[in-house]
Amino acid sequence: MREKGGGWIVNLTSAGAISTMGRRSTLGRKGSTMEVYGTTKAALNRITSGLAGDLYGTGIRVNAVGRGWLS
């Protein structure tokens, strides 16, 4: 992408990255892997943000998209 002068990196995220702050109604069923899923999506969001900053001005754009995403 650097050689070509630009491009896009698009990561797929979800609202699962948003902390539920312990509300029982949103914790999910016992034994589910929702905590692992949410943790990896939150990490992906941080990586996306960091890469976007690192690559700013190079013509390489970095974004995360997800259905119904609220930031």
PDB file of N, CA and C in Angstrom:
ATOM      1  N   MET A   1       0.826  -1.185   0.000  1.00  0.00           N
ATOM      2  CA  MET A   1       0.000   0.000   0.000  1.00  0.00           C
ATOM      3  C   MET A   1       0.870   1.249   0.000  1.00  0.00           C
ATOM      4  N   ARG A   2       1.963   1.191   0.720  1.00  0.00           N
ATOM      5  CA  ARG A   2       2.843   2.366   0.735  1.00  0.00           C
ATOM      6  C   ARG A   2       3.422   2.610  -0.651  1.00  0.00           C
ATOM      7  N   GLU A   3       3.816   1.544  -1.325  1.00  0.00           N
ATOM      8  CA  GLU A   3       4.366   1.687  -2.675  1.00  0.00           C
ATOM      9  C   GLU A   3       3.342   2.254  -3.645  1.00  0.00           C
ATOM     10  N   LYS A   4       2.081   1.888  -3.457  1.00  0.00           N
ATOM     11  CA  LYS A   4       1.010   2.359  -4.339  1.00  0.00           C
ATOM     12  C   LYS A   4       0.506   3.741  -3.937  1.00  0.00           C
ATOM     13  N   GLY A   5       0.898   4.220  -2.773  1.00  0.00           N
ATOM     14  CA  GLY A   5       0.501   5.552  -2.339  1.00  0.00           C
ATOM     15  C   GLY A   5      -0.792   5.623  -1.569  1.00  0.00           C
ATOM     16  N   GLY A   6      -1.353   4.487  -1.188  1.00  0.00           N
ATOM     17  CA  GLY A   6      -2.572   4.523  -0.391  1.00  0.00           C
ATOM     18  C   GLY A   6      -3.340   3.225  -0.432  1.00  0.00           C
ATOM     19  N   GLY A   7      -4.404   3.211   0.317  1.00  0.00           N
ATOM     20  CA  GLY A   7      -5.265   2.037   0.380  1.00  0.00           C
ATOM     21  C   GLY A   7      -6.121   2.080   1.634  1.00  0.00           C
ATOM     22  N   TRP A   8      -6.874   1.014   1.833  1.00  0.00           N
ATOM     23  CA  TRP A   8      -7.785   0.917   2.975  1.00  0.00           C
ATOM     24  C   TRP A   8      -7.518  -0.356   3.756  1.00  0.00           C
ATOM     25  N   ILE A   9      -7.533  -0.248   5.061  1.00  0.00           N
ATOM     26  CA  ILE A   9      -7.587  -1.405   5.951  1.00  0.00           C
ATOM     27  C   ILE A   9      -8.925  -1.288   6.670  1.00  0.00           C
ATOM     28  N   VAL A  10      -9.774  -2.279   6.505  1.00  0.00           N
ATOM     29  CA  VAL A  10     -11.108  -2.247   7.112  1.00  0.00           C
ATOM     30  C   VAL A  10     -11.251  -3.463   8.023  1.00  0.00           C
ATOM     31  N   ASN A  11     -11.441  -3.210   9.303  1.00  0.00           N
ATOM     32  CA  ASN A  11     -11.641  -4.275  10.279  1.00  0.00           C
ATOM     33  C   ASN A  11     -13.120  -4.375  10.625  1.00  0.00           C
ATOM     34  N   LEU A  12     -13.588  -5.600  10.852  1.00  0.00           N
ATOM     35  CA  LEU A  12     -14.990  -5.832  11.194  1.00  0.00           C
ATOM     36  C   LEU A  12     -15.129  -5.978  12.703  1.00  0.00           C
ATOM     37  N   THR A  13     -15.875  -5.073  13.299  1.00  0.00           N
ATOM     38  CA  THR A  13     -16.067  -5.072  14.740  1.00  0.00           C
ATOM     39  C   THR A  13     -17.546  -5.265  15.065  1.00  0.00           C
ATOM     40  N   SER A  14     -17.890  -5.139  16.331  1.00  0.00           N
ATOM     41  CA  SER A  14     -19.298  -5.253  16.720  1.00  0.00           C
ATOM     42  C   SER A  14     -19.517  -4.540  18.042  1.00  0.00           C
ATOM     43  N   ALA A  15     -20.760  -4.407  18.410  1.00  0.00           N
ATOM     44  CA  ALA A  15     -21.111  -3.781  19.679  1.00  0.00           C
ATOM     45  C   ALA A  15     -20.694  -4.661  20.853  1.00  0.00           C
ATOM     46  N   GLY A  16     -20.271  -5.896  20.587  1.00  0.00           N
ATOM     47  CA  GLY A  16     -19.772  -6.775  21.642  1.00  0.00           C
ATOM     48  C   GLY A  16     -18.548  -6.210  22.336  1.00  0.00           C
ATOM     49  N   ALA A  17     -17.900  -5.227  21.719  1.00  0.00           N
ATOM     50  CA  ALA A  17     -16.719  -4.593  22.312  1.00  0.00           C
ATOM     51  C   ALA A  17     -17.084  -3.590  23.396  1.00  0.00           C
ATOM     52  N   ILE A  18     -18.337  -3.184  23.457  1.00  0.00           N
ATOM     53  CA  ILE A  18     -18.766  -2.183  24.432  1.00  0.00           C
ATOM     54  C   ILE A  18     -18.942  -2.849  25.790  1.00  0.00           C
ATOM     55  N   SER A  19     -18.352  -2.266  26.811  1.00  0.00           N
ATOM     56  CA  SER A  19     -18.445  -2.814  28.160  1.00  0.00           C
ATOM     57  C   SER A  19     -19.885  -2.765  28.659  1.00  0.00           C
ATOM     58  N   THR A  20     -20.309  -3.835  29.304  1.00  0.00           N
ATOM     59  CA  THR A  20     -21.651  -3.882  29.880  1.00  0.00           C
ATOM     60  C   THR A  20     -21.653  -3.406  31.317  1.00  0.00           C
ATOM     61  N   MET A  21     -20.470  -3.166  31.871  1.00  0.00           N
ATOM     62  CA  MET A  21     -20.314  -2.690  33.248  1.00  0.00           C
ATOM     63  C   MET A  21     -21.050  -3.582  34.248  1.00  0.00           C
ATOM     64  N   GLY A  22     -21.125  -4.881  33.968  1.00  0.00           N
ATOM     65  CA  GLY A  22     -21.664  -5.824  34.927  1.00  0.00           C
ATOM     66  C   GLY A  22     -23.164  -5.921  35.013  1.00  0.00           C
ATOM     67  N   ARG A  23     -23.883  -5.274  34.112  1.00  0.00           N
ATOM     68  CA  ARG A  23     -25.351  -5.374  34.148  1.00  0.00           C
ATOM     69  C   ARG A  23     -25.758  -6.804  33.814  1.00  0.00           C
ATOM     70  N   ARG A  24     -26.458  -7.441  34.696  1.00  0.00           N
ATOM     71  CA  ARG A  24     -26.843  -8.850  34.539  1.00  0.00           C
ATOM     72  C   ARG A  24     -27.619  -9.084  33.248  1.00  0.00           C
ATOM     73  N   SER A  25     -28.446  -8.143  32.854  1.00  0.00           N
ATOM     74  CA  SER A  25     -29.283  -8.345  31.669  1.00  0.00           C
ATOM     75  C   SER A  25     -28.463  -8.417  30.384  1.00  0.00           C
ATOM     76  N   THR A  26     -27.215  -7.961  30.418  1.00  0.00           N
ATOM     77  CA  THR A  26     -26.420  -7.958  29.196  1.00  0.00           C
ATOM     78  C   THR A  26     -25.177  -8.843  29.295  1.00  0.00           C
ATOM     79  N   LEU A  27     -25.064  -9.619  30.358  1.00  0.00           N
ATOM     80  CA  LEU A  27     -23.876 -10.450  30.532  1.00  0.00           C
ATOM     81  C   LEU A  27     -23.878 -11.695  29.658  1.00  0.00           C
ATOM     82  N   GLY A  28     -25.012 -12.124  29.216  1.00  0.00           N
ATOM     83  CA  GLY A  28     -25.079 -13.349  28.411  1.00  0.00           C
ATOM     84  C   GLY A  28     -25.274 -14.572  29.295  1.00  0.00           C
ATOM     85  N   ARG A  29     -25.527 -15.689  28.647  1.00  0.00           N
ATOM     86  CA  ARG A  29     -25.806 -16.902  29.418  1.00  0.00           C
ATOM     87  C   ARG A  29     -24.514 -17.473  30.000  1.00  0.00           C
ATOM     88  N   LYS A  30     -24.658 -18.187  31.103  1.00  0.00           N
ATOM     89  CA  LYS A  30     -23.511 -18.795  31.774  1.00  0.00           C
ATOM     90  C   LYS A  30     -22.855 -19.808  30.841  1.00  0.00           C
ATOM     91  N   GLY A  31     -21.536 -19.775  30.796  1.00  0.00           N
ATOM     92  CA  GLY A  31     -20.811 -20.712  29.942  1.00  0.00           C
ATOM     93  C   GLY A  31     -20.606 -20.218  28.522  1.00  0.00           C
ATOM     94  N   SER A  32     -21.119 -19.036  28.221  1.00  0.00           N
ATOM     95  CA  SER A  32     -20.929 -18.504  26.873  1.00  0.00           C
ATOM     96  C   SER A  32     -19.506 -17.961  26.753  1.00  0.00           C
ATOM     97  N   THR A  33     -19.094 -17.694  25.551  1.00  0.00           N
ATOM     98  CA  THR A  33     -17.757 -17.132  25.322  1.00  0.00           C
ATOM     99  C   THR A  33     -17.840 -15.642  25.007  1.00  0.00           C
ATOM    100  N   MET A  34     -18.914 -14.994  25.416  1.00  0.00           N
ATOM    101  CA  MET A  34     -19.121 -13.587  25.099  1.00  0.00           C
ATOM    102  C   MET A  34     -17.995 -12.707  25.631  1.00  0.00           C
ATOM    103  N   GLU A  35     -17.443 -13.059  26.816  1.00  0.00           N
ATOM    104  CA  GLU A  35     -16.365 -12.240  27.359  1.00  0.00           C
ATOM    105  C   GLU A  35     -15.114 -12.303  26.480  1.00  0.00           C
ATOM    106  N   VAL A  36     -14.846 -13.453  25.910  1.00  0.00           N
ATOM    107  CA  VAL A  36     -13.700 -13.595  25.007  1.00  0.00           C
ATOM    108  C   VAL A  36     -13.974 -12.839  23.704  1.00  0.00           C
ATOM    109  N   TYR A  37     -15.163 -12.989  23.181  1.00  0.00           N
ATOM    110  CA  TYR A  37     -15.540 -12.297  21.950  1.00  0.00           C
ATOM    111  C   TYR A  37     -15.446 -10.783  22.133  1.00  0.00           C
ATOM    112  N   GLY A  38     -16.023 -10.277  23.218  1.00  0.00           N
ATOM    113  CA  GLY A  38     -15.995  -8.846  23.479  1.00  0.00           C
ATOM    114  C   GLY A  38     -14.585  -8.320  23.684  1.00  0.00           C
ATOM    115  N   THR A  39     -13.753  -9.105  24.359  1.00  0.00           N
ATOM    116  CA  THR A  39     -12.369  -8.704  24.588  1.00  0.00           C
ATOM    117  C   THR A  39     -11.608  -8.592  23.277  1.00  0.00           C
ATOM    118  N   THR A  40     -11.786  -9.555  22.383  1.00  0.00           N
ATOM    119  CA  THR A  40     -11.060  -9.513  21.107  1.00  0.00           C
ATOM    120  C   THR A  40     -11.561  -8.368  20.229  1.00  0.00           C
ATOM    121  N   LYS A  41     -12.851  -8.080  20.272  1.00  0.00           N
ATOM    122  CA  LYS A  41     -13.371  -6.953  19.484  1.00  0.00           C
ATOM    123  C   LYS A  41     -12.882  -5.620  20.060  1.00  0.00           C
ATOM    124  N   ALA A  42     -12.800  -5.516  21.382  1.00  0.00           N
ATOM    125  CA  ALA A  42     -12.269  -4.294  21.991  1.00  0.00           C
ATOM    126  C   ALA A  42     -10.797  -4.113  21.606  1.00  0.00           C
ATOM    127  N   ALA A  43     -10.033  -5.203  21.621  1.00  0.00           N
ATOM    128  CA  ALA A  43      -8.627  -5.134  21.211  1.00  0.00           C
ATOM    129  C   ALA A  43      -8.517  -4.722  19.746  1.00  0.00           C
ATOM    130  N   LEU A  44      -9.381  -5.270  18.912  1.00  0.00           N
ATOM    131  CA  LEU A  44      -9.376  -4.905  17.499  1.00  0.00           C
ATOM    132  C   LEU A  44      -9.647  -3.410  17.322  1.00  0.00           C
ATOM    133  N   ASN A  45     -10.564  -2.868  18.101  1.00  0.00           N
ATOM    134  CA  ASN A  45     -10.867  -1.441  18.020  1.00  0.00           C
ATOM    135  C   ASN A  45      -9.657  -0.603  18.406  1.00  0.00           C
ATOM    136  N   ARG A  46      -8.934  -1.014  19.446  1.00  0.00           N
ATOM    137  CA  ARG A  46      -7.737  -0.275  19.863  1.00  0.00           C
ATOM    138  C   ARG A  46      -6.638  -0.371  18.807  1.00  0.00           C
ATOM    139  N   ILE A  47      -6.458  -1.560  18.231  1.00  0.00           N
ATOM    140  CA  ILE A  47      -5.456  -1.739  17.168  1.00  0.00           C
ATOM    141  C   ILE A  47      -5.811  -0.867  15.968  1.00  0.00           C
ATOM    142  N   THR A  48      -7.080  -0.850  15.617  1.00  0.00           N
ATOM    143  CA  THR A  48      -7.544  -0.031  14.493  1.00  0.00           C
ATOM    144  C   THR A  48      -7.233   1.438  14.740  1.00  0.00           C
ATOM    145  N   SER A  49      -7.545   1.904  15.934  1.00  0.00           N
ATOM    146  CA  SER A  49      -7.288   3.306  16.283  1.00  0.00           C
ATOM    147  C   SER A  49      -5.794   3.621  16.244  1.00  0.00           C
ATOM    148  N   GLY A  50      -4.987   2.738  16.780  1.00  0.00           N
ATOM    149  CA  GLY A  50      -3.548   2.940  16.782  1.00  0.00           C
ATOM    150  C   GLY A  50      -2.955   2.954  15.388  1.00  0.00           C
ATOM    151  N   LEU A  51      -3.373   1.999  14.556  1.00  0.00           N
ATOM    152  CA  LEU A  51      -2.888   1.954  13.176  1.00  0.00           C
ATOM    153  C   LEU A  51      -3.308   3.201  12.402  1.00  0.00           C
ATOM    154  N   ALA A  52      -4.527   3.642  12.637  1.00  0.00           N
ATOM    155  CA  ALA A  52      -5.007   4.847  11.948  1.00  0.00           C
ATOM    156  C   ALA A  52      -4.097   6.028  12.280  1.00  0.00           C
ATOM    157  N   GLY A  53      -3.715   6.152  13.534  1.00  0.00           N
ATOM    158  CA  GLY A  53      -2.818   7.230  13.934  1.00  0.00           C
ATOM    159  C   GLY A  53      -1.426   7.063  13.353  1.00  0.00           C
ATOM    160  N   ASP A  54      -0.910   5.832  13.397  1.00  0.00           N
ATOM    161  CA  ASP A  54       0.425   5.562  12.870  1.00  0.00           C
ATOM    162  C   ASP A  54       0.525   5.818  11.370  1.00  0.00           C
ATOM    163  N   LEU A  55      -0.556   5.542  10.657  1.00  0.00           N
ATOM    164  CA  LEU A  55      -0.535   5.653   9.202  1.00  0.00           C
ATOM    165  C   LEU A  55      -1.106   6.965   8.675  1.00  0.00           C
ATOM    166  N   TYR A  56      -1.490   7.853   9.584  1.00  0.00           N
ATOM    167  CA  TYR A  56      -2.041   9.140   9.179  1.00  0.00           C
ATOM    168  C   TYR A  56      -1.059   9.874   8.260  1.00  0.00           C
ATOM    169  N   GLY A  57      -1.566  10.369   7.161  1.00  0.00           N
ATOM    170  CA  GLY A  57      -0.758  11.129   6.223  1.00  0.00           C
ATOM    171  C   GLY A  57      -0.046  10.291   5.170  1.00  0.00           C
ATOM    172  N   THR A  58      -0.188   8.959   5.264  1.00  0.00           N
ATOM    173  CA  THR A  58       0.475   8.089   4.282  1.00  0.00           C
ATOM    174  C   THR A  58      -0.433   7.737   3.110  1.00  0.00           C
ATOM    175  N   GLY A  59      -1.715   8.093   3.208  1.00  0.00           N
ATOM    176  CA  GLY A  59      -2.684   7.697   2.190  1.00  0.00           C
ATOM    177  C   GLY A  59      -3.329   6.354   2.492  1.00  0.00           C
ATOM    178  N   ILE A  60      -2.867   5.687   3.563  1.00  0.00           N
ATOM    179  CA  ILE A  60      -3.466   4.417   3.998  1.00  0.00           C
ATOM    180  C   ILE A  60      -4.458   4.732   5.107  1.00  0.00           C
ATOM    181  N   ARG A  61      -5.711   4.424   4.865  1.00  0.00           N
ATOM    182  CA  ARG A  61      -6.771   4.711   5.824  1.00  0.00           C
ATOM    183  C   ARG A  61      -7.150   3.437   6.563  1.00  0.00           C
ATOM    184  N   VAL A  62      -7.412   3.566   7.840  1.00  0.00           N
ATOM    185  CA  VAL A  62      -7.750   2.416   8.681  1.00  0.00           C
ATOM    186  C   VAL A  62      -9.071   2.706   9.381  1.00  0.00           C
ATOM    187  N   ASN A  63     -10.041   1.798   9.228  1.00  0.00           N
ATOM    188  CA  ASN A  63     -11.354   1.972   9.845  1.00  0.00           C
ATOM    189  C   ASN A  63     -11.863   0.646  10.367  1.00  0.00           C
ATOM    190  N   ALA A  64     -12.779   0.732  11.295  1.00  0.00           N
ATOM    191  CA  ALA A  64     -13.516  -0.432  11.784  1.00  0.00           C
ATOM    192  C   ALA A  64     -14.995  -0.199  11.505  1.00  0.00           C
ATOM    193  N   VAL A  65     -15.662  -1.190  11.001  1.00  0.00           N
ATOM    194  CA  VAL A  65     -17.093  -1.084  10.718  1.00  0.00           C
ATOM    195  C   VAL A  65     -17.814  -2.267  11.342  1.00  0.00           C
ATOM    196  N   GLY A  66     -19.048  -2.029  11.709  1.00  0.00           N
ATOM    197  CA  GLY A  66     -19.868  -3.101  12.276  1.00  0.00           C
ATOM    198  C   GLY A  66     -21.329  -2.740  12.178  1.00  0.00           C
ATOM    199  N   ARG A  67     -22.137  -3.718  12.063  1.00  0.00           N
ATOM    200  CA  ARG A  67     -23.574  -3.506  11.958  1.00  0.00           C
ATOM    201  C   ARG A  67     -24.120  -2.915  13.255  1.00  0.00           C
ATOM    202  N   GLY A  68     -24.767  -1.796  13.134  1.00  0.00           N
ATOM    203  CA  GLY A  68     -25.375  -1.161  14.295  1.00  0.00           C
ATOM    204  C   GLY A  68     -24.377  -0.609  15.285  1.00  0.00           C
ATOM    205  N   TRP A  69     -23.161  -0.375  14.860  1.00  0.00           N
ATOM    206  CA  TRP A  69     -22.107   0.098  15.763  1.00  0.00           C
ATOM    207  C   TRP A  69     -22.427   1.477  16.300  1.00  0.00           C
ATOM    208  N   LEU A  70     -22.275   1.640  17.580  1.00  0.00           N
ATOM    209  CA  LEU A  70     -22.452   2.939  18.233  1.00  0.00           C
ATOM    210  C   LEU A  70     -21.151   3.292  18.923  1.00  0.00           C
ATOM    211  N   SER A  71     -20.640   4.461  18.665  1.00  0.00           N
ATOM    212  CA  SER A  71     -19.387   4.859  19.337  1.00  0.00           C
ATOM    213  C   SER A  71     -19.604   6.024  20.245  1.00  0.00           C
TER     214      SER A  71
END
